[in-house]
Amino acid sequence: MDYELRNIKDFLQLYNKITDMCFNACVDNLYGRDLTREEISCADNCVLKFTNVNQRLLKVYVGVQSDINQRRMAEVEAQQAKMMAEAQQQQQQQQQAALQSSGKTTYCQQIVALPRRQFDVVHVCYDSYIKIDVNYDKFRDVKGLYKVHRQKLLSYVEMIILSFKENDQTKLNEVVARWSKQFENELLISSNAMISDVVLLIDDNNYYRSMRREWQKVASKLSIGYLETFFDTALSNAIQRNRERPQPIDKQIINQMWMRLEKPNGKLYHREEDVITIQENVDYDRVVGRIEYCLEHPQEHSVVQKTVAEPMEQSEVHKTDIILRKLISKKMVEVKDGMSKQELQFFAKILQERKRRILEQIRKSELNVTEELMNSAVEELF
């Protein structure tokens, strides 16, 4: 329809141009003398045709334009309805994100607000800089995009730490300015941070051990203190707390979050020995004490020579496999009343994958634990 309308407009412009040329030629040639009967008839016909053609084209144009206006109005109404639906969905997603992160974010905010603390705090809240709720479709459709953004944020934090270690205020200002441009949100750093101890609170879920490993590497590489905080909440408690909220989120989301979480385990993974676990109330004096200890005892940056460990005997692997099977069965019994059949199948799949990875690490002697402690250590992973 738009194409047809453009054709009509083009034709009208061309037709008017031709008739103007014809009229001007007549005026130039016929002006100043008496016209013959044939010339008068020709001029009358020309004017009549011009008028008739313009009237017909105008009717067609008006008809086509009316159809186009109606169609465009329908498109605008449909677009407005879509935008309203997306806005409602986005609002729900933002509430869910806030609810999901309220425990850890409140924890970070309380540390920032602690009176008489002897260190400065930089609060790095992922939700403020990697806005999944706003760009959900983009992160979903572009493979690896979320990981790229996480890696970029980690790199910026590393540059900020280097600025502190080098006592380079100019470099710090440049990095913070680039940060604001990159993530479209300012990172607040105290003006006193350069002359005091600084704690960077990495406010993120970090469900997977591989996510936490990235930050452990940075701490080791730059020889700074490192501490993890693990919020250990039973699934039943999480579901109950969600019911008590004014705007509870979908129970399935809580189930999936709980199922995917890989708990820290210092017995099996030596880099997760520095962990403070929170179950109910937070003892901030204890938290501050652990933070100050880690400030005084930074991670050591050392190049570890990889040695080829003796593989564990197959009989021992088989024993651990039996233990893991029993643990999975026990876990499934514990959660069966709180999950649907589909959720149970999904959870079983996650546990089986977790078992497979543990057995593979045991075969390669990659886990930091003796055979005597293996049984109790693997149980903590579930």
Protein backbone atom coordinates (compact mmCIF):
# COMPACT_ATOMS: atom_id res chain seq x y z
CA MET A 1 0.00 0.00 0.00
CA ASP A 2 2.83 2.42 0.82
CA TYR A 3 4.44 1.55 -2.50
CA GLU A 4 1.20 2.36 -4.34
CA LEU A 5 0.92 5.65 -2.50
CA ARG A 6 4.46 6.62 -3.45
CA ASN A 7 3.64 5.84 -7.11
CA ILE A 8 0.60 8.15 -6.98
CA LYS A 9 2.63 10.94 -5.42
CA ASP A 10 5.38 10.56 -8.02
CA PHE A 11 2.86 10.54 -10.86
CA LEU A 12 1.10 13.65 -9.56
CA GLN A 13 4.38 15.52 -9.31
CA LEU A 14 5.41 14.48 -12.83
CA TYR A 15 1.97 15.21 -14.29
CA ASN A 16 1.85 18.67 -12.73
CA LYS A 17 5.34 19.39 -14.02
CA ILE A 18 4.36 18.40 -17.58
CA THR A 19 1.13 20.41 -17.52
CA ASP A 20 2.99 23.43 -16.17
CA MET A 21 5.48 23.18 -19.02
CA CYS A 22 2.62 22.86 -21.52
CA PHE A 23 0.77 25.83 -20.04
CA ASN A 24 3.90 27.99 -20.00
CA ALA A 25 4.64 27.07 -23.62
CA CYS A 26 1.12 28.07 -24.61
CA VAL A 27 1.42 31.38 -22.79
CA ASP A 28 4.77 32.12 -24.41
CA ASN A 29 3.61 31.21 -27.93
CA LEU A 30 0.02 32.47 -27.87
CA TYR A 31 0.33 35.58 -25.74
CA GLY A 32 -0.21 38.90 -27.61
CA ARG A 33 -2.34 37.70 -30.52
CA ASP A 34 -5.83 36.46 -31.27
CA LEU A 35 -6.28 32.68 -31.04
CA THR A 36 -7.77 30.60 -33.76
CA ARG A 37 -10.82 28.42 -33.11
CA GLU A 38 -8.64 25.29 -33.10
CA GLU A 39 -6.22 26.82 -30.59
CA ILE A 40 -9.07 27.88 -28.28
CA SER A 41 -10.54 24.35 -28.44
CA CYS A 42 -7.14 22.79 -27.73
CA ALA A 43 -6.59 25.05 -24.73
CA ASP A 44 -10.08 24.27 -23.35
CA ASN A 45 -9.50 20.52 -23.74
CA CYS A 46 -6.11 20.78 -22.08
CA VAL A 47 -7.54 22.61 -19.06
CA LEU A 48 -10.49 20.20 -18.84
CA LYS A 49 -8.24 17.12 -18.98
CA PHE A 50 -5.90 18.59 -16.39
CA THR A 51 -8.82 19.30 -14.04
CA ASN A 52 -10.44 15.86 -14.52
CA VAL A 53 -7.20 13.94 -14.09
CA ASN A 54 -6.31 15.83 -10.93
CA GLN A 55 -9.77 15.25 -9.46
CA ARG A 56 -9.61 11.51 -10.18
CA LEU A 57 -6.10 11.18 -8.83
CA LEU A 58 -7.09 13.12 -5.74
CA LYS A 59 -9.99 10.72 -5.10
CA VAL A 60 -7.67 7.73 -5.45
CA TYR A 61 -5.08 9.37 -3.22
CA VAL A 62 -7.65 10.18 -0.54
CA GLY A 63 -9.01 6.62 -0.63
CA VAL A 64 -5.57 5.05 -0.43
CA GLN A 65 -4.49 7.47 2.30
CA SER A 66 -7.57 6.60 4.36
CA ASP A 67 -6.75 2.88 4.17
CA ILE A 68 -3.16 3.58 5.13
CA ASN A 69 -4.20 5.74 8.07
CA GLN A 70 -6.49 3.00 9.38
CA ARG A 71 -3.77 0.41 8.99
CA ARG A 72 -1.21 2.60 10.72
CA MET A 73 -3.61 3.32 13.58
CA ALA A 74 -4.11 -0.43 14.03
CA GLU A 75 -0.32 -0.95 14.02
CA VAL A 76 0.15 1.81 16.60
CA GLU A 77 -2.53 0.31 18.85
CA ALA A 78 -0.94 -3.14 18.53
CA GLN A 79 2.49 -1.69 19.30
CA GLN A 80 1.14 0.14 22.35
CA ALA A 81 -0.48 -3.06 23.62
CA LYS A 82 2.81 -4.92 23.11
CA MET A 83 4.77 -2.23 24.92
CA MET A 84 2.34 -2.31 27.86
CA ALA A 85 2.63 -6.10 28.07
CA GLU A 86 6.43 -5.91 27.93
CA ALA A 87 6.42 -3.18 30.57
CA GLN A 88 4.32 -5.36 32.89
CA GLN A 89 6.59 -8.34 32.25
CA GLN A 90 9.67 -6.19 32.78
CA GLN A 91 8.24 -4.87 36.06
CA GLN A 92 7.68 -8.44 37.26
CA GLN A 93 11.22 -9.41 36.25
CA GLN A 94 12.64 -6.44 38.12
CA GLN A 95 10.74 -7.40 41.26
CA GLN A 96 11.95 -10.98 40.93
CA ALA A 97 15.53 -9.85 40.54
CA ALA A 98 15.25 -7.66 43.62
CA LEU A 99 13.69 -10.47 45.63
CA GLN A 100 16.25 -12.99 44.47
CA SER A 101 19.14 -10.73 45.45
CA SER A 102 17.60 -9.08 48.53
CA GLY A 103 19.51 -11.29 50.99
CA LYS A 104 22.98 -10.72 49.60
CA THR A 105 22.37 -7.10 48.62
CA THR A 106 20.98 -6.22 52.06
CA TYR A 107 24.00 -7.96 53.58
CA CYS A 108 26.32 -5.80 51.45
CA GLN A 109 24.41 -2.63 52.27
CA GLN A 110 24.65 -3.39 55.99
CA ILE A 111 28.42 -3.78 55.70
CA VAL A 112 28.62 -0.45 53.84
CA ALA A 113 26.57 1.19 56.62
CA LEU A 114 28.54 -0.30 59.54
CA PRO A 115 29.71 2.43 61.95
CA ARG A 116 33.37 2.70 62.94
CA ARG A 117 34.59 0.18 60.39
CA GLN A 118 38.32 0.44 59.72
CA PHE A 119 38.16 -0.09 55.96
CA ASP A 120 36.51 1.50 52.94
CA VAL A 121 33.93 -0.45 50.92
CA VAL A 122 33.23 -0.54 47.18
CA HIS A 123 29.87 -2.22 46.51
CA VAL A 124 29.84 -3.92 43.08
CA CYS A 125 26.23 -4.99 42.58
CA TYR A 126 25.90 -7.01 39.36
CA ASP A 127 22.21 -6.16 39.01
CA SER A 128 23.15 -2.48 38.64
CA TYR A 129 25.74 -3.01 35.91
CA ILE A 130 24.62 -6.10 33.98
CA LYS A 131 20.92 -5.40 33.58
CA ILE A 132 19.41 -8.72 32.58
CA ASP A 133 15.89 -7.60 33.49
CA VAL A 134 16.02 -4.72 30.99
CA ASN A 135 17.83 -6.63 28.22
CA TYR A 136 16.43 -10.10 28.88
CA ASP A 137 15.64 -10.93 25.23
CA LYS A 138 19.07 -9.80 24.09
CA PHE A 139 20.93 -11.88 26.69
CA ARG A 140 18.69 -14.87 25.92
CA ASP A 141 19.09 -14.75 22.14
CA VAL A 142 22.79 -13.89 21.81
CA LYS A 143 24.82 -16.90 22.88
CA GLY A 144 27.63 -16.10 25.29
CA LEU A 145 26.68 -12.42 25.68
CA TYR A 146 26.06 -12.69 29.43
CA LYS A 147 29.43 -14.35 29.96
CA VAL A 148 31.14 -11.61 27.93
CA HIS A 149 29.57 -8.90 30.12
CA ARG A 150 30.59 -10.73 33.30
CA GLN A 151 34.14 -11.09 32.04
CA LYS A 152 34.25 -7.41 31.14
CA LEU A 153 33.09 -6.40 34.62
CA LEU A 154 35.71 -8.65 36.20
CA SER A 155 38.43 -7.04 34.05
CA TYR A 156 37.38 -3.56 35.15
CA VAL A 157 37.44 -4.58 38.82
CA GLU A 158 40.92 -5.98 38.29
CA MET A 159 42.06 -2.62 36.84
CA ILE A 160 40.56 -0.83 39.86
CA ILE A 161 42.44 -3.11 42.25
CA LEU A 162 45.69 -2.45 40.37
CA SER A 163 45.07 1.30 40.68
CA PHE A 164 44.75 0.91 44.46
CA LYS A 165 47.87 -1.26 44.70
CA GLU A 166 49.87 1.23 42.62
CA ASN A 167 48.40 4.18 44.56
CA ASP A 168 47.58 5.80 41.21
CA GLN A 169 44.62 8.16 41.66
CA THR A 170 44.75 9.35 38.03
CA LYS A 171 44.53 5.82 36.72
CA LEU A 172 41.69 5.04 39.13
CA ASN A 173 39.73 8.08 37.94
CA GLU A 174 40.20 7.03 34.31
CA VAL A 175 39.01 3.47 34.99
CA VAL A 176 35.96 4.67 36.94
CA ALA A 177 35.06 7.07 34.11
CA ARG A 178 35.33 4.25 31.56
CA TRP A 179 33.29 2.04 33.88
CA SER A 180 30.41 4.56 33.94
CA LYS A 181 30.43 4.75 30.15
CA GLN A 182 30.67 0.99 29.68
CA PHE A 183 27.99 -0.06 32.19
CA GLU A 184 25.88 3.12 32.07
CA ASN A 185 25.97 3.41 35.85
CA GLU A 186 28.41 5.03 38.23
CA LEU A 187 30.61 3.03 40.60
CA LEU A 188 30.85 4.81 43.95
CA ILE A 189 34.33 4.94 45.45
CA SER A 190 35.16 7.03 48.50
CA SER A 191 37.72 9.80 48.15
CA ASN A 192 39.52 8.23 51.14
CA ALA A 193 39.80 4.82 49.49
CA MET A 194 43.32 5.45 48.21
CA ILE A 195 44.70 5.97 51.73
CA SER A 196 42.95 3.12 53.54
CA ASP A 197 42.21 -0.58 53.26
CA VAL A 198 39.52 -1.30 50.68
CA VAL A 199 37.00 -4.15 50.57
CA LEU A 200 35.28 -4.85 47.26
CA LEU A 201 31.90 -6.51 47.82
CA ILE A 202 31.12 -8.57 44.71
CA ASP A 203 27.33 -8.69 45.01
CA ASP A 204 26.29 -11.57 42.75
CA ASN A 205 24.66 -14.99 43.06
CA ASN A 206 27.73 -16.89 41.79
CA TYR A 207 25.74 -20.13 41.68
CA TYR A 208 28.47 -22.09 40.00
CA ARG A 209 31.89 -22.88 41.37
CA SER A 210 33.42 -21.75 38.08
CA MET A 211 32.05 -18.23 38.68
CA ARG A 212 33.65 -18.05 42.11
CA ARG A 213 36.86 -19.49 40.70
CA GLU A 214 37.25 -16.43 38.44
CA TRP A 215 37.39 -14.12 41.47
CA GLN A 216 39.67 -16.50 43.35
CA LYS A 217 42.11 -16.28 40.45
CA VAL A 218 42.08 -12.47 40.58
CA ALA A 219 42.77 -12.50 44.34
CA SER A 220 45.65 -14.94 43.90
CA LYS A 221 47.08 -13.11 40.89
CA LEU A 222 47.09 -9.72 42.65
CA SER A 223 47.94 -11.10 46.12
CA ILE A 224 44.93 -9.66 47.93
CA GLY A 225 42.62 -11.07 50.60
CA TYR A 226 39.66 -13.23 49.58
CA LEU A 227 36.49 -14.30 51.41
CA GLU A 228 33.23 -15.92 50.28
CA THR A 229 29.86 -15.50 51.99
CA PHE A 230 27.49 -18.43 51.55
CA PHE A 231 23.79 -17.97 52.37
CA ASP A 232 22.77 -21.50 53.33
CA THR A 233 18.97 -21.58 53.18
CA ALA A 234 16.87 -24.76 53.09
CA LEU A 235 14.49 -25.00 50.15
CA SER A 236 11.46 -25.30 52.43
CA ASN A 237 12.46 -22.13 54.29
CA ALA A 238 12.99 -20.24 51.05
CA ILE A 239 9.56 -21.27 49.76
CA GLN A 240 7.90 -20.34 53.06
CA ARG A 241 9.57 -16.93 53.14
CA ASN A 242 8.49 -16.35 49.57
CA ARG A 243 4.84 -17.07 50.48
CA GLU A 244 5.02 -14.44 53.22
CA ARG A 245 6.18 -11.72 50.84
CA PRO A 246 3.61 -9.16 49.59
CA GLN A 247 4.49 -10.08 46.01
CA PRO A 248 5.80 -13.67 45.95
CA ILE A 249 7.69 -14.84 42.90
CA ASP A 250 7.05 -18.05 41.02
CA LYS A 251 7.88 -21.06 43.17
CA GLN A 252 9.54 -22.73 40.18
CA ILE A 253 12.16 -19.97 40.06
CA ILE A 254 13.11 -20.63 43.69
CA ASN A 255 13.30 -24.37 43.01
CA GLN A 256 15.59 -23.89 40.03
CA MET A 257 17.83 -21.44 41.90
CA TRP A 258 18.18 -23.85 44.80
CA MET A 259 18.79 -26.84 42.52
CA ARG A 260 21.53 -25.18 40.47
CA LEU A 261 23.51 -23.81 43.40
CA GLU A 262 26.90 -25.46 43.86
CA LYS A 263 27.67 -25.15 47.56
CA PRO A 264 31.16 -24.07 48.63
CA ASN A 265 33.20 -26.96 49.99
CA GLY A 266 36.62 -26.32 51.48
CA LYS A 267 37.24 -30.02 52.14
CA LEU A 268 37.17 -30.91 48.45
CA TYR A 269 38.25 -27.59 46.93
CA HIS A 270 41.07 -25.95 48.86
CA ARG A 271 40.38 -22.51 47.34
CA GLU A 272 36.98 -22.49 49.07
CA GLU A 273 38.35 -22.74 52.58
CA ASP A 274 37.80 -19.02 53.21
CA VAL A 275 34.00 -19.09 53.45
CA ILE A 276 31.64 -17.63 56.02
CA THR A 277 28.25 -19.38 56.10
CA ILE A 278 25.06 -17.54 57.03
CA GLN A 279 21.87 -19.44 57.83
CA GLU A 280 19.61 -17.12 59.82
CA ASN A 281 20.77 -13.94 61.55
CA VAL A 282 24.01 -12.27 60.51
CA ASP A 283 26.70 -11.72 63.13
CA TYR A 284 28.34 -8.64 61.61
CA ASP A 285 31.06 -8.54 64.28
CA ARG A 286 32.09 -12.00 63.13
CA VAL A 287 31.91 -10.93 59.48
CA VAL A 288 34.07 -7.86 60.11
CA GLY A 289 36.55 -10.01 62.01
CA ARG A 290 36.88 -12.38 59.03
CA ILE A 291 37.24 -9.46 56.63
CA GLU A 292 40.02 -7.89 58.72
CA TYR A 293 41.78 -11.26 58.93
CA CYS A 294 41.68 -11.63 55.14
CA LEU A 295 43.02 -8.08 54.71
CA GLU A 296 46.00 -9.04 56.86
CA HIS A 297 46.47 -12.42 55.14
CA PRO A 298 46.31 -11.93 51.36
CA GLN A 299 46.30 -14.79 48.91
CA GLU A 300 49.75 -15.91 47.85
CA HIS A 301 50.59 -15.62 44.18
CA SER A 302 52.61 -18.68 43.35
CA VAL A 303 53.09 -20.75 40.25
CA VAL A 304 52.09 -24.28 41.17
CA GLN A 305 53.84 -26.98 39.22
CA LYS A 306 51.29 -29.50 38.08
CA THR A 307 52.13 -33.01 39.11
CA VAL A 308 50.66 -36.15 37.73
CA ALA A 309 48.74 -37.72 40.62
CA GLU A 310 48.22 -41.41 40.98
CA PRO A 311 44.69 -42.24 39.82
CA MET A 312 42.43 -43.56 42.56
CA GLU A 313 41.83 -47.27 42.44
CA GLN A 314 38.65 -48.28 40.66
CA SER A 315 37.36 -50.03 43.77
CA GLU A 316 37.52 -46.75 45.72
CA VAL A 317 35.77 -44.90 42.89
CA HIS A 318 33.07 -47.56 42.96
CA LYS A 319 32.61 -47.08 46.71
CA THR A 320 32.19 -43.34 46.25
CA ASP A 321 29.74 -43.96 43.41
CA ILE A 322 27.56 -46.03 45.75
CA ILE A 323 27.70 -43.27 48.38
CA LEU A 324 26.68 -40.66 45.81
CA ARG A 325 23.75 -42.79 44.63
CA LYS A 326 22.49 -43.06 48.20
CA LEU A 327 22.89 -39.31 48.68
CA ILE A 328 20.89 -38.60 45.53
CA SER A 329 18.10 -40.94 46.67
CA LYS A 330 18.07 -39.27 50.08
CA LYS A 331 17.93 -35.81 48.52
CA MET A 332 15.08 -36.76 46.20
CA VAL A 333 13.03 -38.03 49.17
CA GLU A 334 13.64 -34.76 51.04
CA VAL A 335 12.33 -32.55 48.23
CA LYS A 336 9.62 -34.69 46.61
CA ASP A 337 6.75 -33.07 48.55
CA GLY A 338 7.76 -29.57 47.49
CA MET A 339 8.25 -30.18 43.76
CA SER A 340 6.17 -31.21 40.79
CA LYS A 341 7.01 -34.33 38.78
CA GLN A 342 8.68 -32.22 36.11
CA GLU A 343 10.75 -30.33 38.69
CA LEU A 344 11.81 -33.59 40.32
CA GLN A 345 13.01 -34.92 36.97
CA PHE A 346 14.96 -31.72 36.38
CA PHE A 347 16.50 -31.89 39.87
CA ALA A 348 17.46 -35.54 39.42
CA LYS A 349 19.22 -34.62 36.18
CA ILE A 350 21.22 -31.91 37.97
CA LEU A 351 22.22 -34.28 40.77
CA GLN A 352 23.30 -36.95 38.29
CA GLU A 353 25.47 -34.42 36.46
CA ARG A 354 26.95 -33.32 39.78
CA LYS A 355 27.72 -36.96 40.62
CA ARG A 356 29.38 -37.48 37.24
CA ARG A 357 31.69 -34.49 37.73
CA ILE A 358 32.66 -35.58 41.25
CA LEU A 359 33.53 -39.10 40.11
CA GLU A 360 35.58 -37.73 37.23
CA GLN A 361 37.54 -35.48 39.60
CA ILE A 362 38.06 -38.38 41.99
CA ARG A 363 39.40 -40.61 39.21
CA LYS A 364 41.93 -37.91 38.33
CA SER A 365 42.78 -37.24 42.00
CA GLU A 366 41.84 -33.57 41.57
CA LEU A 367 39.96 -33.22 44.86
CA ASN A 368 41.74 -31.98 47.97
CA VAL A 369 40.67 -34.69 50.43
CA THR A 370 41.85 -37.99 51.82
CA GLU A 371 39.97 -41.18 51.14
CA GLU A 372 39.00 -41.39 54.82
CA LEU A 373 37.17 -38.06 54.64
CA MET A 374 35.72 -38.55 51.18
CA ASN A 375 32.32 -39.82 52.36
CA SER A 376 31.52 -36.87 54.61
CA ALA A 377 33.03 -34.38 52.16
CA VAL A 378 30.95 -35.36 49.13
CA GLU A 379 27.79 -35.39 51.25
CA GLU A 380 28.22 -31.66 51.84
CA LEU A 381 27.96 -31.04 48.09
CA PHE A 382 24.34 -32.21 48.16
